[in-house]
Every structure is written in C-alpha cells, then in structure tokens.
N, C-alpha and C. Protein backbone atom coordinates (compact mmCIF):
# COMPACT_ATOMS: atom_id res chain seq x y z
N MET A 1 11.48 -2.28 -2.30
CA MET A 1 10.04 -2.27 -2.54
C MET A 1 9.38 -1.10 -1.80
N LEU A 2 9.93 -0.72 -0.64
CA LEU A 2 9.35 0.38 0.12
C LEU A 2 9.35 1.67 -0.70
N GLU A 3 10.43 1.95 -1.39
CA GLU A 3 10.52 3.19 -2.18
C GLU A 3 9.49 3.20 -3.30
N GLN A 4 9.30 2.07 -3.97
CA GLN A 4 8.30 1.99 -5.03
C GLN A 4 6.90 2.17 -4.45
N LEU A 5 6.66 1.57 -3.30
CA LEU A 5 5.35 1.68 -2.66
C LEU A 5 5.10 3.11 -2.20
N LYS A 6 6.14 3.77 -1.72
CA LYS A 6 5.99 5.18 -1.32
C LYS A 6 5.47 6.02 -2.48
N GLU A 7 6.04 5.80 -3.66
CA GLU A 7 5.61 6.57 -4.83
C GLU A 7 4.14 6.32 -5.13
N LEU A 8 3.70 5.08 -5.02
CA LEU A 8 2.28 4.77 -5.25
C LEU A 8 1.41 5.45 -4.20
N ILE A 9 1.82 5.37 -2.95
CA ILE A 9 1.04 5.96 -1.86
C ILE A 9 0.90 7.46 -2.06
N LEU A 10 1.97 8.11 -2.48
CA LEU A 10 1.94 9.57 -2.66
C LEU A 10 1.01 10.00 -3.79
N ASN A 11 0.64 9.08 -4.67
CA ASN A 11 -0.33 9.39 -5.72
C ASN A 11 -1.75 9.49 -5.17
N TYR A 12 -1.97 8.97 -3.97
CA TYR A 12 -3.32 8.89 -3.42
C TYR A 12 -3.56 9.74 -2.18
N VAL A 13 -2.55 9.98 -1.41
CA VAL A 13 -2.73 10.76 -0.18
C VAL A 13 -1.66 11.84 -0.10
N GLU A 14 -2.02 12.93 0.55
CA GLU A 14 -1.09 14.04 0.71
C GLU A 14 -0.44 13.96 2.07
N VAL A 15 0.68 13.28 2.13
CA VAL A 15 1.46 13.17 3.36
C VAL A 15 2.92 13.41 3.00
N ASP A 16 3.68 13.75 4.00
CA ASP A 16 5.12 13.90 3.80
C ASP A 16 5.71 12.50 3.56
N GLU A 17 6.61 12.41 2.62
CA GLU A 17 7.23 11.12 2.29
C GLU A 17 7.84 10.46 3.52
N ASN A 18 8.33 11.26 4.46
CA ASN A 18 8.95 10.73 5.67
C ASN A 18 7.96 10.05 6.61
N GLU A 19 6.65 10.31 6.40
CA GLU A 19 5.63 9.67 7.22
C GLU A 19 5.33 8.25 6.75
N ILE A 20 5.78 7.92 5.54
CA ILE A 20 5.51 6.59 4.99
C ILE A 20 6.63 5.66 5.43
N VAL A 21 6.41 5.08 6.58
CA VAL A 21 7.37 4.16 7.20
C VAL A 21 6.68 2.79 7.33
N PRO A 22 7.45 1.74 7.50
CA PRO A 22 6.84 0.40 7.56
C PRO A 22 5.71 0.27 8.57
N GLU A 23 5.81 0.94 9.71
CA GLU A 23 4.77 0.78 10.73
C GLU A 23 3.57 1.72 10.54
N ALA A 24 3.60 2.56 9.51
CA ALA A 24 2.48 3.49 9.25
C ALA A 24 1.23 2.70 8.86
N ARG A 25 0.12 3.07 9.48
CA ARG A 25 -1.17 2.44 9.16
C ARG A 25 -1.83 3.23 8.04
N PHE A 26 -2.42 2.51 7.09
CA PHE A 26 -2.97 3.18 5.91
C PHE A 26 -4.06 4.19 6.24
N SER A 27 -5.06 3.79 7.00
CA SER A 27 -6.16 4.73 7.25
C SER A 27 -5.85 5.69 8.37
N GLU A 28 -5.36 5.20 9.49
CA GLU A 28 -5.16 6.06 10.66
C GLU A 28 -4.00 7.04 10.49
N ASP A 29 -2.89 6.59 9.92
CA ASP A 29 -1.70 7.44 9.84
C ASP A 29 -1.56 8.16 8.50
N LEU A 30 -1.95 7.49 7.42
CA LEU A 30 -1.73 8.06 6.09
C LEU A 30 -2.99 8.67 5.49
N GLY A 31 -4.15 8.40 6.08
CA GLY A 31 -5.39 9.04 5.63
C GLY A 31 -6.08 8.39 4.44
N PHE A 32 -5.80 7.12 4.20
CA PHE A 32 -6.46 6.42 3.10
C PHE A 32 -7.92 6.15 3.43
N ASN A 33 -8.80 6.29 2.43
CA ASN A 33 -10.14 5.74 2.57
C ASN A 33 -10.15 4.42 1.80
N SER A 34 -11.19 3.64 1.93
CA SER A 34 -11.17 2.29 1.35
C SER A 34 -11.10 2.33 -0.18
N TYR A 35 -11.75 3.32 -0.79
CA TYR A 35 -11.71 3.42 -2.25
C TYR A 35 -10.29 3.69 -2.74
N ASP A 36 -9.63 4.68 -2.14
CA ASP A 36 -8.26 5.01 -2.54
C ASP A 36 -7.31 3.83 -2.30
N PHE A 37 -7.52 3.12 -1.21
CA PHE A 37 -6.67 1.97 -0.90
C PHE A 37 -6.81 0.90 -1.98
N MET A 38 -8.04 0.62 -2.39
CA MET A 38 -8.26 -0.40 -3.43
C MET A 38 -7.68 0.05 -4.77
N CYS A 39 -7.81 1.33 -5.08
CA CYS A 39 -7.22 1.85 -6.32
C CYS A 39 -5.69 1.72 -6.29
N MET A 40 -5.12 2.03 -5.13
CA MET A 40 -3.67 1.92 -4.98
C MET A 40 -3.23 0.47 -5.14
N LEU A 41 -4.03 -0.47 -4.64
CA LEU A 41 -3.70 -1.89 -4.81
C LEU A 41 -3.69 -2.28 -6.29
N GLY A 42 -4.60 -1.72 -7.05
CA GLY A 42 -4.62 -1.97 -8.50
C GLY A 42 -3.33 -1.50 -9.15
N ASP A 43 -2.87 -0.33 -8.74
CA ASP A 43 -1.59 0.17 -9.27
C ASP A 43 -0.44 -0.71 -8.81
N ALA A 44 -0.51 -1.21 -7.58
CA ALA A 44 0.55 -2.07 -7.06
C ALA A 44 0.61 -3.38 -7.85
N GLU A 45 -0.54 -3.89 -8.28
CA GLU A 45 -0.54 -5.09 -9.11
C GLU A 45 0.28 -4.86 -10.38
N ASP A 46 0.06 -3.72 -11.02
CA ASP A 46 0.79 -3.40 -12.24
C ASP A 46 2.28 -3.17 -11.95
N GLU A 47 2.55 -2.41 -10.90
CA GLU A 47 3.93 -2.04 -10.57
C GLU A 47 4.78 -3.26 -10.23
N PHE A 48 4.22 -4.19 -9.46
CA PHE A 48 5.00 -5.32 -8.97
C PHE A 48 4.69 -6.62 -9.72
N ASP A 49 3.80 -6.54 -10.73
CA ASP A 49 3.44 -7.69 -11.55
C ASP A 49 3.00 -8.88 -10.69
N VAL A 50 2.02 -8.61 -9.84
CA VAL A 50 1.45 -9.65 -8.97
C VAL A 50 -0.07 -9.60 -9.07
N GLU A 51 -0.69 -10.66 -8.63
CA GLU A 51 -2.15 -10.74 -8.53
C GLU A 51 -2.51 -10.54 -7.07
N ILE A 52 -3.33 -9.54 -6.78
CA ILE A 52 -3.69 -9.23 -5.40
C ILE A 52 -5.13 -9.64 -5.14
N ASP A 53 -5.33 -10.43 -4.12
CA ASP A 53 -6.67 -10.78 -3.66
C ASP A 53 -7.13 -9.65 -2.74
N GLU A 54 -8.19 -8.94 -3.13
CA GLU A 54 -8.62 -7.76 -2.38
C GLU A 54 -8.98 -8.09 -0.94
N ASN A 55 -9.55 -9.28 -0.70
CA ASN A 55 -9.89 -9.66 0.67
C ASN A 55 -8.64 -9.83 1.53
N ASP A 56 -7.63 -10.49 0.97
CA ASP A 56 -6.39 -10.69 1.72
C ASP A 56 -5.66 -9.36 1.92
N ALA A 57 -5.56 -8.58 0.85
CA ALA A 57 -4.83 -7.31 0.94
C ALA A 57 -5.56 -6.34 1.86
N GLY A 58 -6.88 -6.45 1.94
CA GLY A 58 -7.64 -5.59 2.82
C GLY A 58 -7.30 -5.79 4.29
N LYS A 59 -6.71 -6.94 4.59
CA LYS A 59 -6.30 -7.23 5.96
C LYS A 59 -4.96 -6.57 6.30
N CYS A 60 -4.29 -6.04 5.28
CA CYS A 60 -2.99 -5.36 5.50
C CYS A 60 -3.27 -3.96 6.04
N LYS A 61 -2.95 -3.76 7.29
CA LYS A 61 -3.24 -2.47 7.92
C LYS A 61 -2.05 -1.51 7.90
N THR A 62 -0.84 -2.06 7.74
CA THR A 62 0.35 -1.21 7.74
C THR A 62 1.12 -1.38 6.43
N VAL A 63 2.02 -0.46 6.18
CA VAL A 63 2.86 -0.52 5.00
C VAL A 63 3.68 -1.81 5.03
N ALA A 64 4.23 -2.17 6.18
CA ALA A 64 5.04 -3.39 6.30
C ALA A 64 4.22 -4.63 5.97
N GLU A 65 2.96 -4.69 6.43
CA GLU A 65 2.11 -5.84 6.15
C GLU A 65 1.84 -5.97 4.65
N LEU A 66 1.65 -4.82 3.98
CA LEU A 66 1.41 -4.87 2.54
C LEU A 66 2.67 -5.32 1.80
N ILE A 67 3.82 -4.83 2.22
CA ILE A 67 5.08 -5.25 1.59
C ILE A 67 5.26 -6.76 1.76
N GLU A 68 5.00 -7.25 2.95
CA GLU A 68 5.11 -8.69 3.21
C GLU A 68 4.16 -9.47 2.32
N TYR A 69 2.94 -8.98 2.18
CA TYR A 69 1.94 -9.63 1.33
C TYR A 69 2.41 -9.64 -0.13
N LEU A 70 2.87 -8.49 -0.62
CA LEU A 70 3.32 -8.39 -2.01
C LEU A 70 4.50 -9.31 -2.29
N GLU A 71 5.44 -9.37 -1.36
CA GLU A 71 6.60 -10.23 -1.54
C GLU A 71 6.18 -11.70 -1.59
N ALA A 72 5.17 -12.06 -0.83
CA ALA A 72 4.68 -13.45 -0.82
C ALA A 72 4.00 -13.80 -2.14
N GLN A 73 3.49 -12.79 -2.86
CA GLN A 73 2.79 -13.05 -4.11
C GLN A 73 3.74 -13.25 -5.30
N LYS A 74 4.99 -12.86 -5.14
CA LYS A 74 5.95 -12.97 -6.25
C LYS A 74 6.39 -14.39 -6.48
C-alpha cells in the first residue's frame, strides 16, 4: 500500500520519492496544504476502493497513520 500511496502523493507535492516514508508528516515534511491533502484523499478513495471520512482522515498526520486508516476501511 505504501508504494501506491507514494504515487498518489507525488501527484500533489514535489518531493523526492525517498522522503515519503511511513513517519513522514504530510504538512511539515511533505509540504501538503489542506486542499491538496483532501484532493489526494479523494484519489485514495478511488485507488483503494474505500470510503474515507474527511474528519477522521484529517486526523492522520503521517503516512503510516493514513495507511493504518485506509487498511481499517477495507
């Protein structure tokens, strides 16, 4: 799932792929703003065929937290 999520993240922010690690924080480390993060979540819904609650997903501060959230939705 990390590799698929990396591809989605790279569509929204310009970072080196090696910077996208489980402990990377979306805004502080990867440079996401809230709009881009919500758009990326929409793509993640399609990619992983899950329903994402924006309030719950908004609490995901790191890549690992989002992966954990997505896996729980399957």
